[in-house]
């Protein structure tokens, strides 16, 4: 087998972008990452304004097999100082690893993936990190952790000694124009729109106080990150005052958000919940969301 593990070169960008987009497409319909967007993520992630400032080193490796880039991985090394969160201090992370699955015309792709995973551990050893993590956070909406659509990546991680010791999340997706838009659930309820901490805040106001709110982030496809995407948004927060729950306010807020997003021609809305949160999952299904993927977070070696 002719195989070479080496640093990423600029001439690899098209093959690696194709590899990344194949993994994105298996999770999220109709989305692709531009080569420019991918290259930008390899340098820094300004959108991750908390975690990215802790990164000390970045390395991207590829596995070239018979002249083809079969696997690629992006590695991060976090600083060891008081400004870095304790769980990240002196940690190494496979931010993402992608690999073509074995196929009749290419039956040994997984061998290249295994070799690349070994090379990632070797890089961690050179860095002298105290802990090692693995994830699958590609520069596309709703693609993080290790989605269930990537069993080959999870198998690579497990063969390399990573174990899932975190939580599992379910990602939900809705077509904005198909979300329910119920009538106002009670007299005296009004809408107030302001800037929130996680996007545009649409609040349910009763009298002088808020009884609930939803925050919508519409900045998911800003700049060069995606080359093919409609207007996407996600739910940053959804909260209803405990004394006003089970009165229809949550569904009404989602409907208000849908109406607002529709004015700006936003077509898709994402939301997320823990796999064991049956109540919120049932709510999302009721108002018009569909489960998109289950993704495992928190792989460590």
Protein backbone atom coordinates (compact mmCIF):
# COMPACT_ATOMS: atom_id res chain seq x y z
CA UNK A 1 0.00 0.00 0.00
CA UNK A 2 1.40 3.40 -1.02
CA UNK A 3 0.48 5.84 1.74
CA UNK A 4 1.93 9.06 3.10
CA UNK A 5 0.96 10.97 6.26
CA UNK A 6 2.03 14.59 5.88
CA UNK A 7 1.07 18.18 6.70
CA UNK A 8 -1.73 19.77 4.70
CA UNK A 9 -0.58 21.70 1.65
CA UNK A 10 -2.49 24.45 -0.09
CA UNK A 11 -2.72 22.25 -3.18
CA UNK A 12 -4.80 19.79 -1.11
CA UNK A 13 -7.60 22.28 -0.54
CA UNK A 14 -9.99 21.03 -3.23
CA UNK A 15 -9.67 17.36 -2.27
CA UNK A 16 -10.00 18.12 1.44
CA UNK A 17 -12.98 20.40 0.79
CA UNK A 18 -14.68 17.59 -1.16
CA UNK A 19 -13.95 15.19 1.69
CA UNK A 20 -15.33 17.61 4.28
CA UNK A 21 -18.45 18.34 2.20
CA UNK A 22 -19.19 14.63 1.82
CA UNK A 23 -19.30 14.39 5.62
CA UNK A 24 -21.39 17.56 5.92
CA UNK A 25 -23.91 16.35 3.34
CA UNK A 26 -24.50 13.11 5.25
CA UNK A 27 -25.65 15.17 8.25
CA UNK A 28 -27.24 18.37 6.91
CA UNK A 29 -29.14 18.54 3.59
CA UNK A 30 -28.23 21.15 1.03
CA UNK A 31 -25.19 22.64 2.78
CA UNK A 32 -21.61 22.76 1.58
CA UNK A 33 -18.45 24.48 2.82
CA UNK A 34 -16.45 26.67 0.48
CA UNK A 35 -12.73 26.03 0.05
CA UNK A 36 -12.15 29.58 1.31
CA UNK A 37 -14.26 28.91 4.39
CA UNK A 38 -12.39 25.71 5.15
CA UNK A 39 -9.01 27.40 4.74
CA UNK A 40 -10.15 30.14 7.08
CA UNK A 41 -11.03 27.63 9.80
CA UNK A 42 -7.58 26.08 9.56
CA UNK A 43 -6.08 29.46 10.53
CA UNK A 44 -8.48 30.59 13.27
CA UNK A 45 -12.14 30.67 14.25
CA UNK A 46 -13.14 34.24 15.10
CA UNK A 47 -16.71 33.12 15.73
CA UNK A 48 -15.49 30.98 18.62
CA UNK A 49 -14.50 34.06 20.57
CA UNK A 50 -14.20 32.24 23.90
CA UNK A 51 -12.51 28.92 23.10
CA UNK A 52 -10.45 30.03 20.08
CA UNK A 53 -8.41 32.51 22.12
CA UNK A 54 -7.11 29.59 24.20
CA UNK A 55 -5.61 27.84 21.14
CA UNK A 56 -1.82 27.92 21.07
CA UNK A 57 -1.04 25.75 18.02
CA UNK A 58 -2.91 24.39 14.99
CA UNK A 59 -1.83 21.58 12.70
CA UNK A 60 -3.67 19.97 9.79
CA UNK A 61 -2.57 16.54 8.58
CA UNK A 62 -3.63 14.47 5.58
CA UNK A 63 -3.30 10.83 4.60
CA UNK A 64 -2.39 10.53 0.93
CA UNK A 65 -2.99 7.08 -0.53
CA UNK A 66 -1.95 6.31 -4.10
CA UNK A 67 -1.95 10.02 -4.91
CA UNK A 68 -5.38 10.69 -3.37
CA UNK A 69 -6.12 12.52 -0.12
CA UNK A 70 -8.18 9.85 1.67
CA UNK A 71 -8.30 11.33 5.18
CA UNK A 72 -7.65 14.67 6.86
CA UNK A 73 -7.53 15.88 10.45
CA UNK A 74 -7.31 19.31 12.08
CA UNK A 75 -5.57 19.40 15.46
CA UNK A 76 -5.54 22.05 18.16
CA UNK A 77 -3.26 22.54 21.14
CA UNK A 78 -4.63 24.65 24.00
CA UNK A 79 -2.56 26.89 26.24
CA UNK A 80 -1.57 25.97 29.77
CA UNK A 81 -2.38 29.14 31.66
CA UNK A 82 -4.93 30.61 34.05
CA UNK A 83 -6.92 32.26 31.25
CA UNK A 84 -7.72 28.85 29.75
CA UNK A 85 -10.60 26.84 31.20
CA UNK A 86 -9.28 24.00 33.41
CA UNK A 87 -10.59 21.20 31.19
CA UNK A 88 -8.75 22.71 28.17
CA UNK A 89 -5.43 23.54 29.82
CA UNK A 90 -2.54 21.83 28.05
CA UNK A 91 -5.01 19.70 26.09
CA UNK A 92 -4.73 18.44 22.54
CA UNK A 93 -7.83 18.00 20.41
CA UNK A 94 -8.62 16.42 17.08
CA UNK A 95 -11.02 19.21 16.16
CA UNK A 96 -12.23 17.06 13.28
CA UNK A 97 -11.15 14.02 11.35
CA UNK A 98 -12.68 13.00 8.03
CA UNK A 99 -11.98 9.86 6.06
CA UNK A 100 -13.51 8.25 3.01
CA UNK A 101 -15.19 4.96 3.97
CA UNK A 102 -14.00 1.71 2.43
CA UNK A 103 -15.49 1.10 -1.01
CA UNK A 104 -15.20 -1.68 -3.62
CA UNK A 105 -12.98 0.57 -5.72
CA UNK A 106 -11.00 1.71 -2.64
CA UNK A 107 -11.14 -1.04 -0.01
CA UNK A 108 -8.34 0.21 2.26
CA UNK A 109 -9.37 3.79 3.02
CA UNK A 110 -9.91 2.94 6.70
CA UNK A 111 -6.25 1.87 6.92
CA UNK A 112 -5.27 5.40 5.94
CA UNK A 113 -7.67 6.77 8.55
CA UNK A 114 -6.11 4.55 11.22
CA UNK A 115 -2.62 5.70 10.23
CA UNK A 116 -3.75 9.32 10.40
CA UNK A 117 -5.21 8.79 13.89
CA UNK A 118 -1.87 7.34 15.00
CA UNK A 119 -0.14 10.41 13.56
CA UNK A 120 -2.49 12.63 15.58
CA UNK A 121 -1.40 10.86 18.75
CA UNK A 122 2.22 11.33 17.70
CA UNK A 123 1.61 15.07 17.31
CA UNK A 124 0.03 15.18 20.77
CA UNK A 125 3.11 13.40 22.10
CA UNK A 126 5.39 16.01 20.54
CA UNK A 127 3.28 18.75 22.05
CA UNK A 128 3.44 17.06 25.43
CA UNK A 129 -0.27 17.59 26.15
CA UNK A 130 -1.79 16.37 29.41
CA UNK A 131 -5.14 15.25 27.94
CA UNK A 132 -6.46 14.30 24.53
CA UNK A 133 -9.88 14.98 23.02
CA UNK A 134 -11.59 14.23 19.70
CA UNK A 135 -14.54 15.90 17.98
CA UNK A 136 -16.02 16.48 14.55
CA UNK A 137 -16.67 20.22 14.48
CA UNK A 138 -16.68 21.10 10.81
CA UNK A 139 -17.36 24.71 9.69
CA UNK A 140 -21.02 24.03 8.85
CA UNK A 141 -24.20 24.46 10.91
CA UNK A 142 -25.21 21.51 13.12
CA UNK A 143 -22.05 19.49 12.40
CA UNK A 144 -20.19 18.81 15.65
CA UNK A 145 -19.42 15.90 17.93
CA UNK A 146 -19.49 12.59 16.08
CA UNK A 147 -22.83 12.35 14.24
CA UNK A 148 -24.47 8.95 13.88
CA UNK A 149 -24.03 9.28 10.11
CA UNK A 150 -20.27 8.84 10.57
CA UNK A 151 -19.90 5.32 12.01
CA UNK A 152 -16.56 4.99 10.21
CA UNK A 153 -15.16 8.05 12.02
CA UNK A 154 -16.38 6.82 15.39
CA UNK A 155 -14.74 3.45 14.69
CA UNK A 156 -11.47 5.22 13.83
CA UNK A 157 -11.58 7.15 17.10
CA UNK A 158 -12.36 4.04 19.12
CA UNK A 159 -9.56 2.05 17.50
CA UNK A 160 -7.25 4.96 18.36
CA UNK A 161 -8.21 4.71 22.03
CA UNK A 162 -10.84 7.47 22.30
CA UNK A 163 -13.96 6.71 24.32
CA UNK A 164 -17.24 8.55 24.45
CA UNK A 165 -17.67 9.84 28.00
CA UNK A 166 -19.86 12.88 27.31
CA UNK A 167 -23.46 13.42 26.38
CA UNK A 168 -25.47 12.73 23.24
CA UNK A 169 -27.47 15.52 21.62
CA UNK A 170 -30.24 15.47 19.04
CA UNK A 171 -30.21 18.14 16.35
CA UNK A 172 -33.61 19.24 15.01
CA UNK A 173 -34.36 21.04 11.77
CA UNK A 174 -37.51 22.80 10.59
CA UNK A 175 -38.55 24.45 7.35
CA UNK A 176 -39.53 27.92 8.56
CA UNK A 177 -42.64 28.11 6.39
CA UNK A 178 -43.90 24.81 7.85
CA UNK A 179 -43.63 25.80 11.50
CA UNK A 180 -46.94 26.16 13.33
CA UNK A 181 -48.16 29.72 13.88
CA UNK A 182 -50.78 29.50 16.63
CA UNK A 183 -53.02 32.33 17.71
CA UNK A 184 -52.10 34.38 20.77
CA UNK A 185 -52.72 31.99 23.67
CA UNK A 186 -54.11 34.59 26.09
CA UNK A 187 -55.41 38.15 26.17
CA UNK A 188 -52.92 40.83 27.07
CA UNK A 189 -49.94 39.01 25.59
CA UNK A 190 -47.74 41.15 23.36
CA UNK A 191 -44.50 40.76 21.42
CA UNK A 192 -41.34 42.75 22.05
CA UNK A 193 -38.24 42.36 19.84
CA UNK A 194 -34.79 43.36 21.09
CA UNK A 195 -31.17 42.30 20.76
CA UNK A 196 -30.52 39.28 22.96
CA UNK A 197 -27.38 37.55 24.15
CA UNK A 198 -27.70 34.84 21.46
CA UNK A 199 -29.30 36.70 18.58
CA UNK A 200 -32.58 38.51 18.06
CA UNK A 201 -34.77 38.20 21.16
CA UNK A 202 -38.52 37.88 20.66
CA UNK A 203 -40.24 38.15 24.03
CA UNK A 204 -43.76 37.40 25.21
CA UNK A 205 -44.75 40.37 27.36
CA UNK A 206 -47.66 40.42 29.78
CA UNK A 207 -48.17 43.75 31.49
CA UNK A 208 -44.76 45.13 32.37
CA UNK A 209 -42.87 41.86 32.45
CA UNK A 210 -41.62 39.10 30.18
CA UNK A 211 -43.18 35.68 30.63
CA UNK A 212 -41.03 34.00 27.99
CA UNK A 213 -38.69 34.58 25.09
CA UNK A 214 -36.95 32.97 22.14
CA UNK A 215 -33.60 34.09 20.75
CA UNK A 216 -32.75 33.42 17.11
CA UNK A 217 -29.25 33.56 15.63
CA UNK A 218 -29.35 34.29 11.90
CA UNK A 219 -25.58 34.63 11.46
CA UNK A 220 -24.82 30.98 10.68
CA UNK A 221 -23.83 31.51 7.06
CA UNK A 222 -22.09 34.87 7.32
CA UNK A 223 -19.03 35.57 5.19
CA UNK A 224 -17.31 32.79 3.22
CA UNK A 225 -18.12 29.85 5.53
CA UNK A 226 -20.69 28.20 3.27
CA UNK A 227 -20.82 28.17 -0.50
CA UNK A 228 -24.26 26.56 -0.80
CA UNK A 229 -26.86 27.23 1.85
CA UNK A 230 -30.22 28.90 2.12
CA UNK A 231 -30.73 31.40 4.91
CA UNK A 232 -30.24 29.38 8.09
CA UNK A 233 -30.81 30.27 11.74
CA UNK A 234 -30.80 28.46 15.03
CA UNK A 235 -32.52 28.80 18.38
CA UNK A 236 -30.09 30.33 20.85
CA UNK A 237 -32.51 30.28 23.80
CA UNK A 238 -36.15 29.37 24.40
CA UNK A 239 -37.54 29.96 27.87
CA UNK A 240 -40.95 30.37 29.47
CA UNK A 241 -41.58 31.50 33.06
CA UNK A 242 -42.44 28.36 35.09
CA UNK A 243 -45.82 29.74 36.15
CA UNK A 244 -46.80 30.30 32.49
CA UNK A 245 -45.73 26.94 31.07
CA UNK A 246 -48.11 24.50 29.37
CA UNK A 247 -50.23 27.44 28.26
CA UNK A 248 -49.09 27.53 24.63
CA UNK A 249 -46.60 30.37 25.03
CA UNK A 250 -43.59 28.34 23.87
CA UNK A 251 -45.27 27.28 20.63
CA UNK A 252 -46.57 30.80 20.10
CA UNK A 253 -43.03 32.20 20.48
CA UNK A 254 -41.72 29.74 17.88
CA UNK A 255 -44.51 30.88 15.56
CA UNK A 256 -43.62 34.52 16.14
CA UNK A 257 -39.99 33.75 15.39
CA UNK A 258 -41.01 31.92 12.20
CA UNK A 259 -43.01 34.92 11.02
CA UNK A 260 -40.07 37.22 11.70
CA UNK A 261 -37.58 34.93 9.96
CA UNK A 262 -39.90 34.57 6.99
CA UNK A 263 -39.79 38.31 6.39
CA UNK A 264 -36.04 37.99 5.84
CA UNK A 265 -36.43 34.87 3.68
CA UNK A 266 -34.76 32.60 6.21
CA UNK A 267 -35.69 29.08 5.17
CA UNK A 268 -34.36 26.73 7.88
CA UNK A 269 -34.30 26.81 11.67
CA UNK A 270 -32.19 24.53 13.88
CA UNK A 271 -32.59 23.58 17.50
CA UNK A 272 -30.91 21.11 19.83
CA UNK A 273 -31.70 19.04 22.91
CA UNK A 274 -30.12 16.36 25.06
CA UNK A 275 -31.04 12.86 23.98
CA UNK A 276 -32.74 12.19 27.33
CA UNK A 277 -34.86 15.38 27.30
CA UNK A 278 -38.07 13.74 26.15
CA UNK A 279 -40.29 16.69 27.03
CA UNK A 280 -38.40 19.20 24.88
CA UNK A 281 -38.08 16.67 22.05
CA UNK A 282 -41.85 16.20 22.07
CA UNK A 283 -42.36 19.98 22.04
CA UNK A 284 -40.07 20.45 19.04
CA UNK A 285 -41.82 17.70 17.12
CA UNK A 286 -45.22 19.21 17.94
CA UNK A 287 -44.35 22.66 16.60
CA UNK A 288 -42.88 21.32 13.35
CA UNK A 289 -39.25 20.25 13.82
CA UNK A 290 -37.78 17.00 12.50
CA UNK A 291 -34.90 15.12 14.14
CA UNK A 292 -31.88 15.54 11.88
CA UNK A 293 -29.15 13.61 13.68
CA UNK A 294 -27.94 12.29 17.00
CA UNK A 295 -24.39 13.32 17.76
CA UNK A 296 -22.04 12.07 20.46
CA UNK A 297 -19.97 14.71 22.25
CA UNK A 298 -17.01 14.26 24.54
CA UNK A 299 -14.51 11.73 23.19
CA UNK A 300 -11.34 11.45 25.25
CA UNK A 301 -8.28 9.20 25.29
